[in-house]
């Protein structure tokens, strides 16, 4: 079958709730170019289909699937986008599985695409592994399927009042009842937090459970010295704190997330300790023990052997195996809340 005297179907790809998708070749271009044709299933959803075309046409950025052709007046309306040979994130081979740093890089690419969409007034509302694609089997990540996006410019509702918007495990709580007045770019930030968690762990959960021991990315392990499989994942947890929050006003903007993501990636890659009184810290000298708090008051500091002057706020730790000492002056720190 041929669409628009140009696109010949090679094979079917998938069938969604609202559309069929096919791998097609461009017979006007010699047949060498492969693309994806998406054909509307229900003519009553033509407004939503037009919305997707309108959104994607305005988004020319390397981390967003590119629109190539469309015909909304045909008997069977369709659009054609680039073919991403690496497939969707949900079906791709998890080549990043053993590398949190690589997972963070893929996530950065996704965020770049979403940030660009937000800058153009487009809110995706359906961010999930099925709607992220790889141009090749090893990257680059691109955001696709803007079928239920929201355009801030006109705010037209294309979803039934009682219809939840987005996938259950990735959807922001304010979108669960489909209320238009709750749509904002912070809804995408929530879904991105769930997507980041999925990239690193391969798991998904409902609502805001990522801090519970069962779901904690650090991986609770009572048989290990520190009690966790990877304490450096606490850096990622702290980023998730700013994304997977129940209230939109508690979430950061996508641009701020991109800035913080650079720090998180560096901290994970270099294995910088996530400073916290609730997390055992590995000894940087022997690597076999962890630091134990020995003194934090002036009396404790004196008994330890130091002579405090004035009213400093000390924290002195020693390794429980080799005795290596770590000393901190909390009164001189910018991040004093780490020591609460």
C-alpha atoms as a PDB file:
ATOM      1  CA  UNK A   1       0.000   0.000   0.000  1.00  0.00           C
ATOM      2  CA  UNK A   2       1.231   3.488  -0.858  1.00  0.00           C
ATOM      3  CA  UNK A   3       0.387   6.766   0.906  1.00  0.00           C
ATOM      4  CA  UNK A   4       0.628  10.141  -0.827  1.00  0.00           C
ATOM      5  CA  UNK A   5       2.147   8.584  -3.977  1.00  0.00           C
ATOM      6  CA  UNK A   6       5.382   8.446  -2.027  1.00  0.00           C
ATOM      7  CA  UNK A   7       5.358   6.206   1.042  1.00  0.00           C
ATOM      8  CA  UNK A   8       5.256   2.460   0.459  1.00  0.00           C
ATOM      9  CA  UNK A   9       4.645   0.199   3.457  1.00  0.00           C
ATOM     10  CA  UNK A  10       7.503  -2.197   4.192  1.00  0.00           C
ATOM     11  CA  UNK A  11       6.092  -3.792   7.345  1.00  0.00           C
ATOM     12  CA  UNK A  12       3.798  -2.964  10.283  1.00  0.00           C
ATOM     13  CA  UNK A  13       5.516  -1.784  13.466  1.00  0.00           C
ATOM     14  CA  UNK A  14       2.939  -1.457  16.212  1.00  0.00           C
ATOM     15  CA  UNK A  15      -0.650  -0.602  16.934  1.00  0.00           C
ATOM     16  CA  UNK A  16      -1.503   1.921  19.611  1.00  0.00           C
ATOM     17  CA  UNK A  17      -4.826   2.972  21.013  1.00  0.00           C
ATOM     18  CA  UNK A  18      -5.265   5.755  18.470  1.00  0.00           C
ATOM     19  CA  UNK A  19      -3.014   4.909  15.519  1.00  0.00           C
ATOM     20  CA  UNK A  20      -1.273   2.279  13.425  1.00  0.00           C
ATOM     21  CA  UNK A  21       2.432   2.652  12.673  1.00  0.00           C
ATOM     22  CA  UNK A  22       4.355   1.238   9.730  1.00  0.00           C
ATOM     23  CA  UNK A  23       7.910   1.115   8.468  1.00  0.00           C
ATOM     24  CA  UNK A  24       7.807   2.741   5.028  1.00  0.00           C
ATOM     25  CA  UNK A  25      10.231   3.570   2.254  1.00  0.00           C
ATOM     26  CA  UNK A  26      10.362   6.723   0.152  1.00  0.00           C
ATOM     27  CA  UNK A  27       9.796   5.506  -3.417  1.00  0.00           C
ATOM     28  CA  UNK A  28      10.292   9.025  -4.769  1.00  0.00           C
ATOM     29  CA  UNK A  29      13.727   9.042  -3.199  1.00  0.00           C
ATOM     30  CA  UNK A  30      14.765   5.716  -4.700  1.00  0.00           C
ATOM     31  CA  UNK A  31      13.436   3.539  -1.894  1.00  0.00           C
ATOM     32  CA  UNK A  32      16.608   3.634   0.208  1.00  0.00           C
ATOM     33  CA  UNK A  33      15.282   5.907   2.950  1.00  0.00           C
ATOM     34  CA  UNK A  34      13.297   4.259   5.744  1.00  0.00           C
ATOM     35  CA  UNK A  35      10.773   6.261   7.772  1.00  0.00           C
ATOM     36  CA  UNK A  36       7.842   5.676  10.122  1.00  0.00           C
ATOM     37  CA  UNK A  37       4.287   6.363   8.989  1.00  0.00           C
ATOM     38  CA  UNK A  38       1.655   6.867  11.652  1.00  0.00           C
ATOM     39  CA  UNK A  39      -1.936   6.500  10.452  1.00  0.00           C
ATOM     40  CA  UNK A  40      -4.857   7.734  12.483  1.00  0.00           C
ATOM     41  CA  UNK A  41      -7.190   4.920  13.545  1.00  0.00           C
ATOM     42  CA  UNK A  42     -10.224   6.892  14.713  1.00  0.00           C
ATOM     43  CA  UNK A  43     -11.287   9.874  12.529  1.00  0.00           C
ATOM     44  CA  UNK A  44     -12.957  11.416  15.597  1.00  0.00           C
ATOM     45  CA  UNK A  45      -9.462  12.028  16.993  1.00  0.00           C
ATOM     46  CA  UNK A  46      -8.332  14.150  14.033  1.00  0.00           C
ATOM     47  CA  UNK A  47      -7.951  17.251  16.234  1.00  0.00           C
ATOM     48  CA  UNK A  48      -5.502  15.405  18.472  1.00  0.00           C
ATOM     49  CA  UNK A  49      -3.647  14.141  15.406  1.00  0.00           C
ATOM     50  CA  UNK A  50      -3.396  17.685  14.054  1.00  0.00           C
ATOM     51  CA  UNK A  51      -2.092  18.750  17.453  1.00  0.00           C
ATOM     52  CA  UNK A  52       0.783  16.273  17.156  1.00  0.00           C
ATOM     53  CA  UNK A  53       1.689  17.544  13.685  1.00  0.00           C
ATOM     54  CA  UNK A  54       1.525  21.151  14.854  1.00  0.00           C
ATOM     55  CA  UNK A  55       3.758  20.402  17.832  1.00  0.00           C
ATOM     56  CA  UNK A  56       6.403  18.394  16.011  1.00  0.00           C
ATOM     57  CA  UNK A  57       6.612  20.882  13.124  1.00  0.00           C
ATOM     58  CA  UNK A  58       7.720  23.569  15.581  1.00  0.00           C
ATOM     59  CA  UNK A  59      10.362  21.416  17.265  1.00  0.00           C
ATOM     60  CA  UNK A  60      13.573  21.256  15.266  1.00  0.00           C
ATOM     61  CA  UNK A  61      16.142  19.976  17.737  1.00  0.00           C
ATOM     62  CA  UNK A  62      18.506  16.984  17.680  1.00  0.00           C
ATOM     63  CA  UNK A  63      16.850  15.239  20.639  1.00  0.00           C
ATOM     64  CA  UNK A  64      13.335  15.333  19.172  1.00  0.00           C
ATOM     65  CA  UNK A  65      11.999  12.992  16.479  1.00  0.00           C
ATOM     66  CA  UNK A  66      11.855  14.905  13.206  1.00  0.00           C
ATOM     67  CA  UNK A  67       8.676  15.265  11.139  1.00  0.00           C
ATOM     68  CA  UNK A  68       9.168  14.598   7.414  1.00  0.00           C
ATOM     69  CA  UNK A  69       5.731  14.595   5.793  1.00  0.00           C
ATOM     70  CA  UNK A  70       2.010  14.560   6.600  1.00  0.00           C
ATOM     71  CA  UNK A  71      -1.438  14.680   5.015  1.00  0.00           C
ATOM     72  CA  UNK A  72      -4.318  15.479   7.335  1.00  0.00           C
ATOM     73  CA  UNK A  73      -6.893  15.795   4.546  1.00  0.00           C
ATOM     74  CA  UNK A  74      -6.445  12.274   3.175  1.00  0.00           C
ATOM     75  CA  UNK A  75      -9.126   9.616   3.642  1.00  0.00           C
ATOM     76  CA  UNK A  76      -6.695   8.016   6.069  1.00  0.00           C
ATOM     77  CA  UNK A  77      -4.786  10.924   7.676  1.00  0.00           C
ATOM     78  CA  UNK A  78      -1.124  10.201   8.339  1.00  0.00           C
ATOM     79  CA  UNK A  79       2.179  11.701   9.329  1.00  0.00           C
ATOM     80  CA  UNK A  80       5.710  10.514   8.547  1.00  0.00           C
ATOM     81  CA  UNK A  81       8.675  10.864  10.888  1.00  0.00           C
ATOM     82  CA  UNK A  82      12.280   9.741  10.834  1.00  0.00           C
ATOM     83  CA  UNK A  83      12.971   6.071  11.532  1.00  0.00           C
ATOM     84  CA  UNK A  84      15.014   5.467  14.678  1.00  0.00           C
ATOM     85  CA  UNK A  85      16.939   2.246  14.067  1.00  0.00           C
ATOM     86  CA  UNK A  86      17.709   1.738  17.758  1.00  0.00           C
ATOM     87  CA  UNK A  87      14.030   1.348  18.594  1.00  0.00           C
ATOM     88  CA  UNK A  88      12.219   2.601  21.658  1.00  0.00           C
ATOM     89  CA  UNK A  89      13.894   2.876  25.036  1.00  0.00           C
ATOM     90  CA  UNK A  90      11.554   0.212  26.396  1.00  0.00           C
ATOM     91  CA  UNK A  91      12.573  -2.380  23.788  1.00  0.00           C
ATOM     92  CA  UNK A  92      16.216  -1.475  23.207  1.00  0.00           C
ATOM     93  CA  UNK A  93      19.020  -3.612  24.558  1.00  0.00           C
ATOM     94  CA  UNK A  94      19.990  -2.028  27.889  1.00  0.00           C
ATOM     95  CA  UNK A  95      23.611  -1.248  26.945  1.00  0.00           C
ATOM     96  CA  UNK A  96      23.700   1.305  29.768  1.00  0.00           C
ATOM     97  CA  UNK A  97      22.568  -1.175  32.451  1.00  0.00           C
ATOM     98  CA  UNK A  98      25.919  -1.467  34.246  1.00  0.00           C
ATOM     99  CA  UNK A  99      26.869   2.178  33.888  1.00  0.00           C
ATOM    100  CA  UNK A 100      24.888   4.779  35.858  1.00  0.00           C
ATOM    101  CA  UNK A 101      27.025   7.458  34.201  1.00  0.00           C
ATOM    102  CA  UNK A 102      25.876   6.302  30.753  1.00  0.00           C
ATOM    103  CA  UNK A 103      22.279   6.228  31.989  1.00  0.00           C
ATOM    104  CA  UNK A 104      22.693   9.819  33.174  1.00  0.00           C
ATOM    105  CA  UNK A 105      24.028  10.809  29.748  1.00  0.00           C
ATOM    106  CA  UNK A 106      21.003   9.266  28.018  1.00  0.00           C
ATOM    107  CA  UNK A 107      18.805  11.109  30.484  1.00  0.00           C
ATOM    108  CA  UNK A 108      20.601  14.380  29.699  1.00  0.00           C
ATOM    109  CA  UNK A 109      19.805  13.923  26.008  1.00  0.00           C
ATOM    110  CA  UNK A 110      16.143  13.321  26.810  1.00  0.00           C
ATOM    111  CA  UNK A 111      16.041  16.412  29.039  1.00  0.00           C
ATOM    112  CA  UNK A 112      17.593  18.504  26.271  1.00  0.00           C
ATOM    113  CA  UNK A 113      14.736  17.565  23.975  1.00  0.00           C
ATOM    114  CA  UNK A 114      12.081  18.233  26.610  1.00  0.00           C
ATOM    115  CA  UNK A 115      13.693  21.552  27.575  1.00  0.00           C
ATOM    116  CA  UNK A 116      13.542  22.669  23.943  1.00  0.00           C
ATOM    117  CA  UNK A 117       9.888  21.652  23.704  1.00  0.00           C
ATOM    118  CA  UNK A 118       9.118  23.636  26.857  1.00  0.00           C
ATOM    119  CA  UNK A 119      10.896  26.671  25.414  1.00  0.00           C
ATOM    120  CA  UNK A 120       8.439  26.491  22.498  1.00  0.00           C
ATOM    121  CA  UNK A 121       5.427  26.182  24.782  1.00  0.00           C
ATOM    122  CA  UNK A 122       4.937  22.447  24.208  1.00  0.00           C
ATOM    123  CA  UNK A 123       4.330  20.150  27.198  1.00  0.00           C
ATOM    124  CA  UNK A 124       4.615  16.473  26.285  1.00  0.00           C
ATOM    125  CA  UNK A 125       2.435  14.874  29.041  1.00  0.00           C
ATOM    126  CA  UNK A 126       3.254  11.306  27.930  1.00  0.00           C
ATOM    127  CA  UNK A 127       6.925  10.803  28.749  1.00  0.00           C
ATOM    128  CA  UNK A 128       7.692   7.111  29.202  1.00  0.00           C
ATOM    129  CA  UNK A 129      10.203   4.552  27.832  1.00  0.00           C
ATOM    130  CA  UNK A 130       7.875   3.703  24.913  1.00  0.00           C
ATOM    131  CA  UNK A 131       8.056   7.292  23.653  1.00  0.00           C
ATOM    132  CA  UNK A 132      11.837   7.719  23.778  1.00  0.00           C
ATOM    133  CA  UNK A 133      13.832   6.376  20.834  1.00  0.00           C
ATOM    134  CA  UNK A 134      17.444   5.758  19.794  1.00  0.00           C
ATOM    135  CA  UNK A 135      18.574   6.887  16.363  1.00  0.00           C
ATOM    136  CA  UNK A 136      21.112   4.034  16.379  1.00  0.00           C
ATOM    137  CA  UNK A 137      21.511   0.982  18.604  1.00  0.00           C
ATOM    138  CA  UNK A 138      23.928   2.948  20.819  1.00  0.00           C
ATOM    139  CA  UNK A 139      22.244   6.378  20.787  1.00  0.00           C
ATOM    140  CA  UNK A 140      21.308   9.286  20.319  1.00  0.00           C
ATOM    141  CA  UNK A 141      18.164   9.492  22.481  1.00  0.00           C
ATOM    142  CA  UNK A 142      15.244  11.423  20.991  1.00  0.00           C
ATOM    143  CA  UNK A 143      11.788  12.267  22.315  1.00  0.00           C
ATOM    144  CA  UNK A 144       8.822  11.211  20.183  1.00  0.00           C
ATOM    145  CA  UNK A 145       5.047  10.731  20.147  1.00  0.00           C
ATOM    146  CA  UNK A 146       3.606  14.144  20.971  1.00  0.00           C
ATOM    147  CA  UNK A 147       0.076  12.818  20.432  1.00  0.00           C
ATOM    148  CA  UNK A 148      -1.375  14.159  23.696  1.00  0.00           C
ATOM    149  CA  UNK A 149       0.874  17.181  24.109  1.00  0.00           C
ATOM    150  CA  UNK A 150      -0.471  20.438  25.497  1.00  0.00           C
ATOM    151  CA  UNK A 151       0.256  23.741  23.752  1.00  0.00           C
ATOM    152  CA  UNK A 152       0.452  26.568  26.257  1.00  0.00           C
ATOM    153  CA  UNK A 153      -0.461  29.103  23.576  1.00  0.00           C
ATOM    154  CA  UNK A 154      -4.075  27.984  23.146  1.00  0.00           C
ATOM    155  CA  UNK A 155      -4.720  25.564  26.030  1.00  0.00           C
ATOM    156  CA  UNK A 156      -7.328  23.563  24.095  1.00  0.00           C
ATOM    157  CA  UNK A 157      -8.460  20.390  25.832  1.00  0.00           C
ATOM    158  CA  UNK A 158      -8.134  17.331  23.612  1.00  0.00           C
ATOM    159  CA  UNK A 159      -8.670  14.828  26.399  1.00  0.00           C
ATOM    160  CA  UNK A 160     -11.972  13.832  27.910  1.00  0.00           C
ATOM    161  CA  UNK A 161     -12.577  15.285  31.374  1.00  0.00           C
ATOM    162  CA  UNK A 162     -12.474  11.909  33.080  1.00  0.00           C
ATOM    163  CA  UNK A 163      -9.571  10.609  30.967  1.00  0.00           C
ATOM    164  CA  UNK A 164      -6.210  10.277  32.717  1.00  0.00           C
ATOM    165  CA  UNK A 165      -3.335  11.733  30.713  1.00  0.00           C
ATOM    166  CA  UNK A 166      -0.166   9.670  30.345  1.00  0.00           C
ATOM    167  CA  UNK A 167       1.039   6.255  31.586  1.00  0.00           C
ATOM    168  CA  UNK A 168       0.000   5.277  35.116  1.00  0.00           C
ATOM    169  CA  UNK A 169       3.486   4.650  36.542  1.00  0.00           C
ATOM    170  CA  UNK A 170       5.024   7.778  34.979  1.00  0.00           C
ATOM    171  CA  UNK A 171       2.181  10.282  35.156  1.00  0.00           C
ATOM    172  CA  UNK A 172       2.270  13.322  37.442  1.00  0.00           C
ATOM    173  CA  UNK A 173      -0.423  13.064  40.147  1.00  0.00           C
ATOM    174  CA  UNK A 174      -2.136  16.297  39.082  1.00  0.00           C
ATOM    175  CA  UNK A 175      -2.846  14.767  35.645  1.00  0.00           C
ATOM    176  CA  UNK A 176      -4.462  11.585  36.910  1.00  0.00           C
ATOM    177  CA  UNK A 177      -7.961  13.045  36.542  1.00  0.00           C
ATOM    178  CA  UNK A 178      -7.220  14.819  33.256  1.00  0.00           C
ATOM    179  CA  UNK A 179      -7.878  18.335  34.624  1.00  0.00           C
ATOM    180  CA  UNK A 180      -6.731  20.960  32.151  1.00  0.00           C
ATOM    181  CA  UNK A 181      -6.073  23.690  34.713  1.00  0.00           C
ATOM    182  CA  UNK A 182      -3.381  21.534  36.305  1.00  0.00           C
ATOM    183  CA  UNK A 183      -1.233  21.186  33.156  1.00  0.00           C
ATOM    184  CA  UNK A 184       2.248  22.747  33.449  1.00  0.00           C
ATOM    185  CA  UNK A 185       5.821  22.024  32.473  1.00  0.00           C
ATOM    186  CA  UNK A 186       6.316  20.644  36.018  1.00  0.00           C
ATOM    187  CA  UNK A 187       4.148  17.667  35.000  1.00  0.00           C
ATOM    188  CA  UNK A 188       6.834  16.655  32.503  1.00  0.00           C
ATOM    189  CA  UNK A 189       9.521  17.111  35.173  1.00  0.00           C
ATOM    190  CA  UNK A 190       7.732  14.583  37.393  1.00  0.00           C
ATOM    191  CA  UNK A 191       7.582  12.045  34.537  1.00  0.00           C
ATOM    192  CA  UNK A 192      11.237  12.661  33.742  1.00  0.00           C
ATOM    193  CA  UNK A 193      12.120  11.792  37.340  1.00  0.00           C
ATOM    194  CA  UNK A 194      10.302   8.471  36.946  1.00  0.00           C
ATOM    195  CA  UNK A 195      12.101   7.949  33.636  1.00  0.00           C
ATOM    196  CA  UNK A 196      15.506   8.576  35.234  1.00  0.00           C
ATOM    197  CA  UNK A 197      14.731   6.052  37.949  1.00  0.00           C
ATOM    198  CA  UNK A 198      13.703   3.509  35.288  1.00  0.00           C
ATOM    199  CA  UNK A 199      16.884   4.117  33.275  1.00  0.00           C
ATOM    200  CA  UNK A 200      19.087   3.304  36.248  1.00  0.00           C
ATOM    201  CA  UNK A 201      17.079   0.511  37.858  1.00  0.00           C
ATOM    202  CA  UNK A 202      14.903  -0.931  35.111  1.00  0.00           C
ATOM    203  CA  UNK A 203      11.932  -0.603  37.498  1.00  0.00           C
ATOM    204  CA  UNK A 204       8.918   1.656  37.853  1.00  0.00           C
ATOM    205  CA  UNK A 205       6.678   2.431  40.827  1.00  0.00           C
ATOM    206  CA  UNK A 206       3.511   4.385  41.513  1.00  0.00           C
ATOM    207  CA  UNK A 207       3.600   7.845  43.096  1.00  0.00           C
ATOM    208  CA  UNK A 208       6.607   8.944  45.213  1.00  0.00           C
ATOM    209  CA  UNK A 209       8.109   5.740  46.655  1.00  0.00           C
ATOM    210  CA  UNK A 210      11.736   6.103  45.577  1.00  0.00           C
ATOM    211  CA  UNK A 211      12.938   6.916  49.118  1.00  0.00           C
ATOM    212  CA  UNK A 212      11.445   3.742  50.602  1.00  0.00           C
ATOM    213  CA  UNK A 213      14.114   1.070  51.357  1.00  0.00           C
ATOM    214  CA  UNK A 214      12.599  -1.319  48.805  1.00  0.00           C
ATOM    215  CA  UNK A 215      12.930   1.228  46.005  1.00  0.00           C
ATOM    216  CA  UNK A 216      16.025   3.178  47.094  1.00  0.00           C
ATOM    217  CA  UNK A 217      18.542   3.308  44.227  1.00  0.00           C
ATOM    218  CA  UNK A 218      21.402   2.795  46.677  1.00  0.00           C
ATOM    219  CA  UNK A 219      20.182  -0.788  47.059  1.00  0.00           C
ATOM    220  CA  UNK A 220      19.806  -1.777  50.702  1.00  0.00           C
ATOM    221  CA  UNK A 221      22.256  -4.584  51.569  1.00  0.00           C
ATOM    222  CA  UNK A 222      22.601  -5.391  55.250  1.00  0.00           C
ATOM    223  CA  UNK A 223      25.455  -7.816  54.495  1.00  0.00           C
ATOM    224  CA  UNK A 224      27.700  -5.053  53.130  1.00  0.00           C
ATOM    225  CA  UNK A 225      29.955  -2.816  55.211  1.00  0.00           C
ATOM    226  CA  UNK A 226      27.979   0.331  54.433  1.00  0.00           C
ATOM    227  CA  UNK A 227      24.533  -1.265  54.386  1.00  0.00           C
ATOM    228  CA  UNK A 228      24.035  -0.336  50.719  1.00  0.00           C
ATOM    229  CA  UNK A 229      25.204  -1.675  47.357  1.00  0.00           C
ATOM    230  CA  UNK A 230      26.091   1.767  46.010  1.00  0.00           C
ATOM    231  CA  UNK A 231      26.013   4.795  48.322  1.00  0.00           C
ATOM    232  CA  UNK A 232      26.863   7.109  45.397  1.00  0.00           C
ATOM    233  CA  UNK A 233      23.320   6.679  44.065  1.00  0.00           C
ATOM    234  CA  UNK A 234      22.309   9.062  46.862  1.00  0.00           C
ATOM    235  CA  UNK A 235      23.398  11.855  44.491  1.00  0.00           C
ATOM    236  CA  UNK A 236      20.714  10.661  42.059  1.00  0.00           C
ATOM    237  CA  UNK A 237      18.182  10.389  44.891  1.00  0.00           C
ATOM    238  CA  UNK A 238      18.738  14.049  45.718  1.00  0.00           C
ATOM    239  CA  UNK A 239      17.977  14.983  42.114  1.00  0.00           C
ATOM    240  CA  UNK A 240      14.835  12.842  42.231  1.00  0.00           C
ATOM    241  CA  UNK A 241      13.792  14.737  45.382  1.00  0.00           C
ATOM    242  CA  UNK A 242      13.461  17.794  43.146  1.00  0.00           C
ATOM    243  CA  UNK A 243      11.491  15.990  40.449  1.00  0.00           C
ATOM    244  CA  UNK A 244       9.301  13.228  41.896  1.00  0.00           C
ATOM    245  CA  UNK A 245       7.444  15.494  44.309  1.00  0.00           C
ATOM    246  CA  UNK A 246       3.686  15.330  44.855  1.00  0.00           C
ATOM    247  CA  UNK A 247       3.152  19.091  44.487  1.00  0.00           C
ATOM    248  CA  UNK A 248       4.208  20.832  41.238  1.00  0.00           C
ATOM    249  CA  UNK A 249       5.602  23.822  43.149  1.00  0.00           C
ATOM    250  CA  UNK A 250       8.087  21.491  44.876  1.00  0.00           C
ATOM    251  CA  UNK A 251       9.644  20.491  41.547  1.00  0.00           C
ATOM    252  CA  UNK A 252      12.432  22.344  39.777  1.00  0.00           C
ATOM    253  CA  UNK A 253      12.256  23.573  36.190  1.00  0.00           C
ATOM    254  CA  UNK A 254      13.736  21.438  33.434  1.00  0.00           C
ATOM    255  CA  UNK A 255      16.526  23.991  32.896  1.00  0.00           C
ATOM    256  CA  UNK A 256      17.522  23.815  36.557  1.00  0.00           C
ATOM    257  CA  UNK A 257      17.443  20.001  36.406  1.00  0.00           C
ATOM    258  CA  UNK A 258      19.876  20.116  33.474  1.00  0.00           C
ATOM    259  CA  UNK A 259      22.294  22.243  35.532  1.00  0.00           C
ATOM    260  CA  UNK A 260      22.070  19.971  38.570  1.00  0.00           C
ATOM    261  CA  UNK A 261      22.378  16.884  36.371  1.00  0.00           C
ATOM    262  CA  UNK A 262      25.930  17.883  35.436  1.00  0.00           C
ATOM    263  CA  UNK A 263      26.894  17.925  39.120  1.00  0.00           C
ATOM    264  CA  UNK A 264      25.165  14.609  39.787  1.00  0.00           C
ATOM    265  CA  UNK A 265      26.908  12.902  36.890  1.00  0.00           C
ATOM    266  CA  UNK A 266      30.309  14.187  38.042  1.00  0.00           C
ATOM    267  CA  UNK A 267      29.648  13.112  41.640  1.00  0.00           C
ATOM    268  CA  UNK A 268      28.613   9.609  40.572  1.00  0.00           C
ATOM    269  CA  UNK A 269      31.451   9.226  38.071  1.00  0.00           C
ATOM    270  CA  UNK A 270      34.152  10.404  40.504  1.00  0.00           C
ATOM    271  CA  UNK A 271      32.486   8.602  43.442  1.00  0.00           C
ATOM    272  CA  UNK A 272      32.307  11.682  45.625  1.00  0.00           C
ATOM    273  CA  UNK A 273      30.716  10.862  48.963  1.00  0.00           C
ATOM    274  CA  UNK A 274      27.110  11.981  49.438  1.00  0.00           C
ATOM    275  CA  UNK A 275      27.505  13.869  52.704  1.00  0.00           C
ATOM    276  CA  UNK A 276      24.804  12.766  55.145  1.00  0.00           C
ATOM    277  CA  UNK A 277      24.696  11.784  58.803  1.00  0.00           C
ATOM    278  CA  UNK A 278      22.290   9.004  57.819  1.00  0.00           C
ATOM    279  CA  UNK A 279      24.602   7.281  55.339  1.00  0.00           C
ATOM    280  CA  UNK A 280      27.760   5.425  56.310  1.00  0.00           C
ATOM    281  CA  UNK A 281      30.748   6.878  54.488  1.00  0.00           C
ATOM    282  CA  UNK A 282      33.441   4.561  53.055  1.00  0.00           C
ATOM    283  CA  UNK A 283      36.969   5.167  54.288  1.00  0.00           C
ATOM    284  CA  UNK A 284      38.999   6.944  51.614  1.00  0.00           C
ATOM    285  CA  UNK A 285      42.256   5.530  53.008  1.00  0.00           C
ATOM    286  CA  UNK A 286      41.837   1.802  53.613  1.00  0.00           C
ATOM    287  CA  UNK A 287      38.573   1.280  51.727  1.00  0.00           C
ATOM    288  CA  UNK A 288      37.553  -1.458  54.162  1.00  0.00           C
ATOM    289  CA  UNK A 289      35.827   0.510  56.896  1.00  0.00           C
ATOM    290  CA  UNK A 290      33.476   3.415  57.340  1.00  0.00           C
ATOM    291  CA  UNK A 291      33.656   6.653  59.310  1.00  0.00           C
ATOM    292  CA  UNK A 292      32.167   6.861  62.790  1.00  0.00           C
ATOM    293  CA  UNK A 293      31.288  10.195  64.424  1.00  0.00           C
ATOM    294  CA  UNK A 294      33.577  10.804  67.411  1.00  0.00           C
ATOM    295  CA  UNK A 295      33.044  14.462  68.309  1.00  0.00           C
ATOM    296  CA  UNK A 296      30.801  17.421  67.479  1.00  0.00           C
ATOM    297  CA  UNK A 297      30.762  19.519  70.666  1.00  0.00           C
ATOM    298  CA  UNK A 298      33.678  21.628  71.941  1.00  0.00           C
ATOM    299  CA  UNK A 299      34.043  19.213  74.858  1.00  0.00           C
ATOM    300  CA  UNK A 300      34.157  16.233  72.505  1.00  0.00           C
ATOM    301  CA  UNK A 301      36.650  18.007  70.262  1.00  0.00           C
ATOM    302  CA  UNK A 302      38.934  18.744  73.228  1.00  0.00           C
ATOM    303  CA  UNK A 303      38.723  15.150  74.422  1.00  0.00           C
ATOM    304  CA  UNK A 304      39.638  14.050  70.909  1.00  0.00           C
ATOM    305  CA  UNK A 305      42.829  16.098  71.096  1.00  0.00           C
ATOM    306  CA  UNK A 306      41.927  19.291  69.232  1.00  0.00           C
ATOM    307  CA  UNK A 307      41.863  22.746  70.837  1.00  0.00           C
ATOM    308  CA  UNK A 308      38.818  24.678  69.563  1.00  0.00           C
ATOM    309  CA  UNK A 309      38.924  28.477  69.615  1.00  0.00           C
ATOM    310  CA  UNK A 310      35.720  30.508  69.682  1.00  0.00           C
ATOM    311  CA  UNK A 311      32.493  28.680  68.837  1.00  0.00           C
ATOM    312  CA  UNK A 312      33.277  26.449  65.840  1.00  0.00           C
ATOM    313  CA  UNK A 313      30.842  23.735  64.763  1.00  0.00           C
ATOM    314  CA  UNK A 314      32.951  20.603  64.367  1.00  0.00           C
ATOM    315  CA  UNK A 315      32.293  17.085  63.126  1.00  0.00           C
ATOM    316  CA  UNK A 316      35.176  14.637  63.647  1.00  0.00           C
ATOM    317  CA  UNK A 317      35.047  11.094  62.302  1.00  0.00           C
ATOM    318  CA  UNK A 318      37.415   8.129  62.411  1.00  0.00           C
ATOM    319  CA  UNK A 319      37.461   4.985  60.285  1.00  0.00           C
ATOM    320  CA  UNK A 320      36.327   1.989  62.333  1.00  0.00           C
ATOM    321  CA  UNK A 321      39.011  -0.185  60.689  1.00  0.00           C
ATOM    322  CA  UNK A 322      42.185   1.871  60.187  1.00  0.00           C
ATOM    323  CA  UNK A 323      41.491   4.954  62.350  1.00  0.00           C
ATOM    324  CA  UNK A 324      41.810   7.457  59.498  1.00  0.00           C
ATOM    325  CA  UNK A 325      40.484  10.872  60.598  1.00  0.00           C
ATOM    326  CA  UNK A 326      38.093  13.189  58.762  1.00  0.00           C
ATOM    327  CA  UNK A 327      37.365  16.608  60.288  1.00  0.00           C
ATOM    328  CA  UNK A 328      34.747  19.136  59.185  1.00  0.00           C
ATOM    329  CA  UNK A 329      33.936  22.730  60.147  1.00  0.00           C
ATOM    330  CA  UNK A 330      30.190  22.906  59.548  1.00  0.00           C
ATOM    331  CA  UNK A 331      30.088  26.619  60.409  1.00  0.00           C
ATOM    332  CA  UNK A 332      32.223  27.236  57.304  1.00  0.00           C
ATOM    333  CA  UNK A 333      30.100  25.086  54.972  1.00  0.00           C
ATOM    334  CA  UNK A 334      27.534  26.348  52.457  1.00  0.00           C
ATOM    335  CA  UNK A 335      25.538  23.122  52.748  1.00  0.00           C
ATOM    336  CA  UNK A 336      24.925  23.159  56.494  1.00  0.00           C
ATOM    337  CA  UNK A 337      21.659  21.273  56.017  1.00  0.00           C
ATOM    338  CA  UNK A 338      23.662  18.135  55.141  1.00  0.00           C
ATOM    339  CA  UNK A 339      24.635  17.909  58.828  1.00  0.00           C
ATOM    340  CA  UNK A 340      21.175  18.151  60.342  1.00  0.00           C
END
